[in-house]
C-alpha atoms as a PDB file:
ATOM      1  CA  MET A   1      89.582 125.366  37.433  1.00  0.00           C
ATOM      2  CA  HIS A   2      86.711 125.993  40.334  1.00  0.00           C
ATOM      3  CA  THR A   3      85.963 127.835  42.679  1.00  0.00           C
ATOM      4  CA  GLU A   4      84.934 127.918  46.219  1.00  0.00           C
ATOM      5  CA  GLN A   5      82.743 131.206  46.897  1.00  0.00           C
ATOM      6  CA  PRO A   6      80.651 130.772  49.442  1.00  0.00           C
ATOM      7  CA  GLU A   7      76.918 131.331  48.933  1.00  0.00           C
ATOM      8  CA  GLY A   8      73.382 132.055  50.830  1.00  0.00           C
ATOM      9  CA  GLU A   9      71.853 134.890  53.320  1.00  0.00           C
ATOM     10  CA  SER A  10      75.078 134.283  55.471  1.00  0.00           C
ATOM     11  CA  PRO A  11      77.662 133.920  53.642  1.00  0.00           C
ATOM     12  CA  TYR A  12      81.033 132.942  55.559  1.00  0.00           C
ATOM     13  CA  VAL A  13      83.044 130.066  55.875  1.00  0.00           C
ATOM     14  CA  HIS A  14      85.422 129.035  58.936  1.00  0.00           C
ATOM     15  CA  ALA A  15      87.177 126.155  57.357  1.00  0.00           C
ATOM     16  CA  LEU A  16      90.948 124.853  56.617  1.00  0.00           C
ATOM     17  CA  GLN A  17      92.351 124.592  53.171  1.00  0.00           C
ATOM     18  CA  ILE A  18      94.635 121.533  53.070  1.00  0.00           C
ATOM     19  CA  PHE A  19      96.168 120.476  50.117  1.00  0.00           C
ATOM     20  CA  VAL A  20      97.511 116.961  49.786  1.00  0.00           C
ATOM     21  CA  ASN A  21     100.286 115.612  47.409  1.00  0.00           C
ATOM     22  CA  LEU A  22     100.160 112.490  45.463  1.00  0.00           C
ATOM     23  CA  PRO A  23     102.716 110.048  43.756  1.00  0.00           C
ATOM     24  CA  ALA A  24     104.157 111.253  40.665  1.00  0.00           C
ATOM     25  CA  ARG A  25     102.096 108.954  38.806  1.00  0.00           C
ATOM     26  CA  GLN A  26      99.358 109.995  39.786  1.00  0.00           C
ATOM     27  CA  LYS A  27      99.492 114.037  39.661  1.00  0.00           C
ATOM     28  CA  MET A  28      98.197 113.737  35.850  1.00  0.00           C
ATOM     29  CA  MET A  29      94.593 112.155  37.365  1.00  0.00           C
ATOM     30  CA  SER A  30      91.161 113.738  36.531  1.00  0.00           C
ATOM     31  CA  PRO A  31      89.875 115.927  39.166  1.00  0.00           C
ATOM     32  CA  PHE A  32      87.092 114.867  41.155  1.00  0.00           C
ATOM     33  CA  ALA A  33      85.346 115.954  45.154  1.00  0.00           C
ATOM     34  CA  VAL A  34      83.683 114.061  47.485  1.00  0.00           C
ATOM     35  CA  HIS A  35      81.464 115.677  49.308  1.00  0.00           C
ATOM     36  CA  ALA A  36      81.214 114.400  52.927  1.00  0.00           C
ATOM     37  CA  ALA A  37      78.093 115.939  54.644  1.00  0.00           C
ATOM     38  CA  ALA A  38      78.386 116.808  58.525  1.00  0.00           C
ATOM     39  CA  ALA A  39      75.906 114.035  59.606  1.00  0.00           C
ATOM     40  CA  THR A  40      77.893 111.336  57.943  1.00  0.00           C
ATOM     41  CA  ILE A  41      81.245 111.975  59.603  1.00  0.00           C
ATOM     42  CA  PRO A  42      81.689 109.219  62.130  1.00  0.00           C
ATOM     43  CA  GLU A  43      83.085 110.064  65.803  1.00  0.00           C
ATOM     44  CA  PHE A  44      85.960 108.385  68.080  1.00  0.00           C
ATOM     45  CA  HIS A  45      84.491 109.574  71.775  1.00  0.00           C
ATOM     46  CA  GLY A  46      86.465 109.580  75.489  1.00  0.00           C
ATOM     47  CA  GLU A  47      86.716 110.778  78.491  1.00  0.00           C
ATOM     48  CA  GLY A  48      86.650 114.903  77.570  1.00  0.00           C
ATOM     49  CA  VAL A  49      87.359 114.207  73.835  1.00  0.00           C
ATOM     50  CA  ARG A  50      85.193 114.453  70.598  1.00  0.00           C
ATOM     51  CA  VAL A  51      87.438 113.264  67.663  1.00  0.00           C
ATOM     52  CA  ARG A  52      85.659 113.288  64.032  1.00  0.00           C
ATOM     53  CA  VAL A  53      87.306 110.399  61.034  1.00  0.00           C
ATOM     54  CA  VAL A  54      86.268 112.855  58.335  1.00  0.00           C
ATOM     55  CA  ALA A  55      88.813 110.673  56.160  1.00  0.00           C
ATOM     56  CA  GLY A  56      90.727 107.651  57.240  1.00  0.00           C
ATOM     57  CA  HIS A  57      90.648 105.744  60.096  1.00  0.00           C
ATOM     58  CA  SER A  58      91.377 105.815  63.395  1.00  0.00           C
ATOM     59  CA  ASN A  59      90.298 104.434  67.233  1.00  0.00           C
ATOM     60  CA  GLY A  60      88.552 101.701  65.048  1.00  0.00           C
ATOM     61  CA  ILE A  61      86.803 104.392  62.795  1.00  0.00           C
ATOM     62  CA  THR A  62      87.232 104.258  59.221  1.00  0.00           C
ATOM     63  CA  ALA A  63      84.812 107.491  57.109  1.00  0.00           C
ATOM     64  CA  PRO A  64      82.772 105.919  54.797  1.00  0.00           C
ATOM     65  CA  HIS A  65      84.127 107.737  51.932  1.00  0.00           C
ATOM     66  CA  SER A  66      88.250 106.360  52.621  1.00  0.00           C
ATOM     67  CA  ALA A  67      88.111 103.742  49.313  1.00  0.00           C
ATOM     68  CA  GLU A  68      87.264 106.733  46.712  1.00  0.00           C
ATOM     69  CA  LEU A  69      90.886 108.501  48.109  1.00  0.00           C
ATOM     70  CA  PRO A  70      93.537 108.133  45.627  1.00  0.00           C
ATOM     71  CA  GLN A  71      95.710 107.890  47.723  1.00  0.00           C
ATOM     72  CA  PRO A  72      94.989 106.943  51.678  1.00  0.00           C
ATOM     73  CA  PHE A  73      94.740 109.525  54.488  1.00  0.00           C
ATOM     74  CA  THR A  74      93.891 110.212  57.395  1.00  0.00           C
ATOM     75  CA  LEU A  75      92.023 113.807  58.501  1.00  0.00           C
ATOM     76  CA  LEU A  76      91.047 113.795  62.013  1.00  0.00           C
ATOM     77  CA  ASP A  77      88.841 116.967  64.020  1.00  0.00           C
ATOM     78  CA  GLY A  78      88.870 116.994  67.370  1.00  0.00           C
ATOM     79  CA  HIS A  79      88.027 118.200  70.103  1.00  0.00           C
ATOM     80  CA  CYS A  80      89.689 118.307  73.957  1.00  0.00           C
ATOM     81  CA  ALA A  81      88.853 119.120  77.088  1.00  0.00           C
ATOM     82  CA  PRO A  82      91.421 120.001  79.904  1.00  0.00           C
ATOM     83  CA  GLY A  83      93.781 117.361  81.439  1.00  0.00           C
ATOM     84  CA  SER A  84      92.014 114.984  78.155  1.00  0.00           C
ATOM     85  CA  ARG A  85      94.495 112.717  76.088  1.00  0.00           C
ATOM     86  CA  PHE A  86      93.627 111.294  72.657  1.00  0.00           C
ATOM     87  CA  THR A  87      95.723 108.540  70.755  1.00  0.00           C
ATOM     88  CA  HIS A  88      96.298 107.972  67.132  1.00  0.00           C
ATOM     89  CA  LEU A  89      98.859 104.634  65.501  1.00  0.00           C
ATOM     90  CA  LEU A  90     100.035 105.915  62.927  1.00  0.00           C
ATOM     91  CA  ALA A  91     100.563 103.431  60.829  1.00  0.00           C
ATOM     92  CA  ALA A  92     103.947 102.454  59.864  1.00  0.00           C
ATOM     93  CA  GLY A  93     105.772 105.049  56.323  1.00  0.00           C
ATOM     94  CA  TRP A  94     103.388 107.220  57.368  1.00  0.00           C
ATOM     95  CA  ASN A  95     103.818 110.761  58.243  1.00  0.00           C
ATOM     96  CA  ALA A  96     101.388 112.921  59.843  1.00  0.00           C
ATOM     97  CA  MET A  97     100.642 116.622  60.766  1.00  0.00           C
ATOM     98  CA  LEU A  98      99.513 117.703  63.768  1.00  0.00           C
ATOM     99  CA  TYR A  99      97.993 121.475  63.933  1.00  0.00           C
ATOM    100  CA  PRO A 100      96.087 122.586  66.822  1.00  0.00           C
ATOM    101  CA  LEU A 101      93.282 125.849  65.938  1.00  0.00           C
ATOM    102  CA  THR A 102      92.163 126.481  69.131  1.00  0.00           C
ATOM    103  CA  GLY A 103      94.629 125.774  72.532  1.00  0.00           C
ATOM    104  CA  SER A 104      98.076 124.194  72.444  1.00  0.00           C
ATOM    105  CA  LEU A 105      98.401 120.384  72.759  1.00  0.00           C
ATOM    106  CA  THR A 106     101.516 118.212  73.776  1.00  0.00           C
ATOM    107  CA  LEU A 107     102.835 115.461  71.872  1.00  0.00           C
ATOM    108  CA  GLN A 108     104.990 112.400  74.046  1.00  0.00           C
ATOM    109  CA  ALA A 109     106.927 111.059  71.329  1.00  0.00           C
ATOM    110  CA  GLU A 110     110.428 108.816  71.739  1.00  0.00           C
ATOM    111  CA  GLY A 111     110.984 109.933  74.980  1.00  0.00           C
ATOM    112  CA  GLU A 112     110.581 113.827  74.587  1.00  0.00           C
ATOM    113  CA  ARG A 113     107.493 115.969  75.265  1.00  0.00           C
ATOM    114  CA  HIS A 114     106.774 118.417  72.272  1.00  0.00           C
ATOM    115  CA  LEU A 115     104.214 121.692  73.354  1.00  0.00           C
ATOM    116  CA  ILE A 116     102.525 122.679  70.036  1.00  0.00           C
ATOM    117  CA  PRO A 117     100.911 125.804  70.270  1.00  0.00           C
ATOM    118  CA  ALA A 118      97.290 127.277  69.047  1.00  0.00           C
ATOM    119  CA  GLY A 119      98.260 128.560  65.049  1.00  0.00           C
ATOM    120  CA  HIS A 120     101.038 126.196  64.579  1.00  0.00           C
ATOM    121  CA  GLY A 121     102.419 122.948  63.129  1.00  0.00           C
ATOM    122  CA  MET A 122     104.014 120.361  63.766  1.00  0.00           C
ATOM    123  CA  GLY A 123     104.977 117.332  60.927  1.00  0.00           C
ATOM    124  CA  VAL A 124     105.827 114.060  62.726  1.00  0.00           C
ATOM    125  CA  SER A 125     108.271 111.052  61.096  1.00  0.00           C
ATOM    126  CA  LEU A 126     108.384 108.098  63.110  1.00  0.00           C
ATOM    127  CA  SER A 127     109.363 104.197  62.464  1.00  0.00           C
ATOM    128  CA  ALA A 128     109.507 102.094  64.848  1.00  0.00           C
ATOM    129  CA  GLU A 129     111.482  98.615  64.896  1.00  0.00           C
ATOM    130  CA  GLY A 130     109.366  95.509  63.045  1.00  0.00           C
ATOM    131  CA  GLY A 131     107.538  98.204  60.791  1.00  0.00           C
ATOM    132  CA  GLU A 132     104.650  98.121  63.239  1.00  0.00           C
ATOM    133  CA  ALA A 133     102.385 101.576  64.023  1.00  0.00           C
ATOM    134  CA  VAL A 134     103.540 104.367  66.504  1.00  0.00           C
ATOM    135  CA  ALA A 135     101.280 106.123  69.381  1.00  0.00           C
ATOM    136  CA  LEU A 136     100.997 109.319  69.058  1.00  0.00           C
ATOM    137  CA  PRO A 137     100.476 109.852  72.980  1.00  0.00           C
ATOM    138  CA  LEU A 138      98.081 113.482  72.282  1.00  0.00           C
ATOM    139  CA  GLU A 139      97.187 115.936  75.542  1.00  0.00           C
ATOM    140  CA  ALA A 140      95.955 119.003  76.225  1.00  0.00           C
ATOM    141  CA  THR A 141      96.089 120.986  78.901  1.00  0.00           C
ATOM    142  CA  GLU A 142      93.505 123.774  77.866  1.00  0.00           C
ATOM    143  CA  PRO A 143      90.397 123.202  75.659  1.00  0.00           C
ATOM    144  CA  CYS A 144      91.791 122.609  72.256  1.00  0.00           C
ATOM    145  CA  HIS A 145      90.265 121.635  68.788  1.00  0.00           C
ATOM    146  CA  PHE A 146      93.050 120.669  66.561  1.00  0.00           C
ATOM    147  CA  VAL A 147      93.584 119.061  63.415  1.00  0.00           C
ATOM    148  CA  LEU A 148      95.272 115.626  62.562  1.00  0.00           C
ATOM    149  CA  LEU A 149      96.633 114.609  59.380  1.00  0.00           C
ATOM    150  CA  SER A 150      98.407 111.419  57.869  1.00  0.00           C
ATOM    151  CA  GLY A 151      99.560 109.648  55.079  1.00  0.00           C
ATOM    152  CA  GLN A 152     102.180 107.337  53.498  1.00  0.00           C
ATOM    153  CA  ALA A 153     105.484 109.060  53.000  1.00  0.00           C
ATOM    154  CA  ILE A 154     105.806 109.388  49.104  1.00  0.00           C
ATOM    155  CA  ASN A 155     109.418 109.877  49.035  1.00  0.00           C
ATOM    156  CA  GLU A 156     109.450 111.822  46.079  1.00  0.00           C
ATOM    157  CA  PRO A 157     111.168 115.323  45.094  1.00  0.00           C
ATOM    158  CA  LEU A 158     109.001 118.775  45.660  1.00  0.00           C
ATOM    159  CA  VAL A 159     108.359 121.475  43.638  1.00  0.00           C
ATOM    160  CA  LYS A 160     105.304 124.105  43.945  1.00  0.00           C
ATOM    161  CA  HIS A 161     104.372 127.129  42.817  1.00  0.00           C
ATOM    162  CA  GLY A 162     100.649 128.576  44.534  1.00  0.00           C
ATOM    163  CA  PRO A 163      98.829 125.542  44.198  1.00  0.00           C
ATOM    164  CA  PHE A 164     100.506 123.116  41.093  1.00  0.00           C
ATOM    165  CA  VAL A 165     103.077 120.728  43.316  1.00  0.00           C
ATOM    166  CA  MET A 166     105.106 118.517  40.677  1.00  0.00           C
ATOM    167  CA  ASN A 167     108.109 117.159  40.650  1.00  0.00           C
ATOM    168  CA  SER A 168     110.040 119.086  39.179  1.00  0.00           C
ATOM    169  CA  HIS A 169     110.470 122.357  38.071  1.00  0.00           C
ATOM    170  CA  ASP A 170     109.948 121.405  33.892  1.00  0.00           C
ATOM    171  CA  ALA A 171     107.107 119.639  35.185  1.00  0.00           C
ATOM    172  CA  ILE A 172     105.661 123.238  36.841  1.00  0.00           C
ATOM    173  CA  ALA A 173     106.740 125.096  34.174  1.00  0.00           C
ATOM    174  CA  ASP A 174     104.540 122.606  32.216  1.00  0.00           C
ATOM    175  CA  ARG A 175     101.575 123.510  33.844  1.00  0.00           C
ATOM    176  CA  LEU A 176     101.594 126.567  34.290  1.00  0.00           C
ATOM    177  CA  HIS A 177     101.305 127.219  30.492  1.00  0.00           C
ATOM    178  CA  ALA A 178      98.715 124.354  30.527  1.00  0.00           C
ATOM    179  CA  TYR A 179      96.952 126.827  32.535  1.00  0.00           C
ATOM    180  CA  GLN A 180      97.952 129.539  30.822  1.00  0.00           C
ATOM    181  CA  ARG A 181      96.724 128.355  27.818  1.00  0.00           C
ATOM    182  CA  GLY A 182      93.138 127.369  29.376  1.00  0.00           C
ATOM    183  CA  GLU A 183      93.924 123.513  29.012  1.00  0.00           C
ATOM    184  CA  PHE A 184      92.214 124.127  33.293  1.00  0.00           C
ATOM    185  CA  GLY A 185      89.365 125.199  31.925  1.00  0.00           C
ATOM    186  CA  GLN A 186      87.063 128.181  32.954  1.00  0.00           C
ATOM    187  CA  LEU A 187      84.360 129.618  35.139  1.00  0.00           C
ATOM    188  CA  ASN A 188      81.425 130.440  34.154  1.00  0.00           C
ATOM    189  CA  ASP A 189      81.477 134.010  36.122  1.00  0.00           C
ATOM    190  CA  GLU A 190      77.306 134.527  35.592  1.00  0.00           C
ATOM    191  CA  TRP A 191      77.411 134.410  39.030  1.00  0.00           C
ATOM    192  CA  LEU A 192      79.602 137.315  39.314  1.00  0.00           C
ATOM    193  CA  ARG A 193      77.201 139.298  36.732  1.00  0.00           C
ATOM    194  CA  ASN A 194      74.673 138.463  38.804  1.00  0.00           C
ATOM    195  CA  GLY A 195      76.205 140.473  41.694  1.00  0.00           C
ATOM    196  CA  GLN A 196      76.147 137.280  44.381  1.00  0.00           C
ATOM    197  CA  TYR A 197      79.803 138.015  44.809  1.00  0.00           C
ATOM    198  CA  ARG A 198      80.554 140.209  48.227  1.00  0.00           C
ATOM    199  CA  PRO A 199      83.508 140.567  49.195  1.00  0.00           C
END
């Protein structure tokens, strides 16, 4: 159990909440968190392009906390000016998701051009001969803020219920019962009683 309630004088957050699936052998790991301060996130700069490498690797840049993650994973936070281009290499056996928050983005893949409008995600699963990385060339025709997420393809059954993600309905039922029995812990609601909560 945890809370993500913003605190302070201006308790507002502009964010994406991203759930990352793990292989079955890692689903019962103890939870942990990595805090990446904005000043520690490395950036790639190109003509009209600024991409923060929040996790993983891109264009020769590695995020500082990448080795702490339970599975290799890349998270890019990009800003593109109109007419700018950015290319990310998708490792062999990896999948990706592109999500423009504002502005549209164009992906050139396997001889086709795909337009991804703001607020729409696009999953990418490509393979190259010889197990080589595949280029994901992106182009912005207008100012664009996007995220790119990528990780190794797990290729296991997927069953989800709310925030729970397991490999079978029985496993989901087991986790729901564990939650109901209090095995996920409890929140200290002192902050709620003190009137700090503001919807």
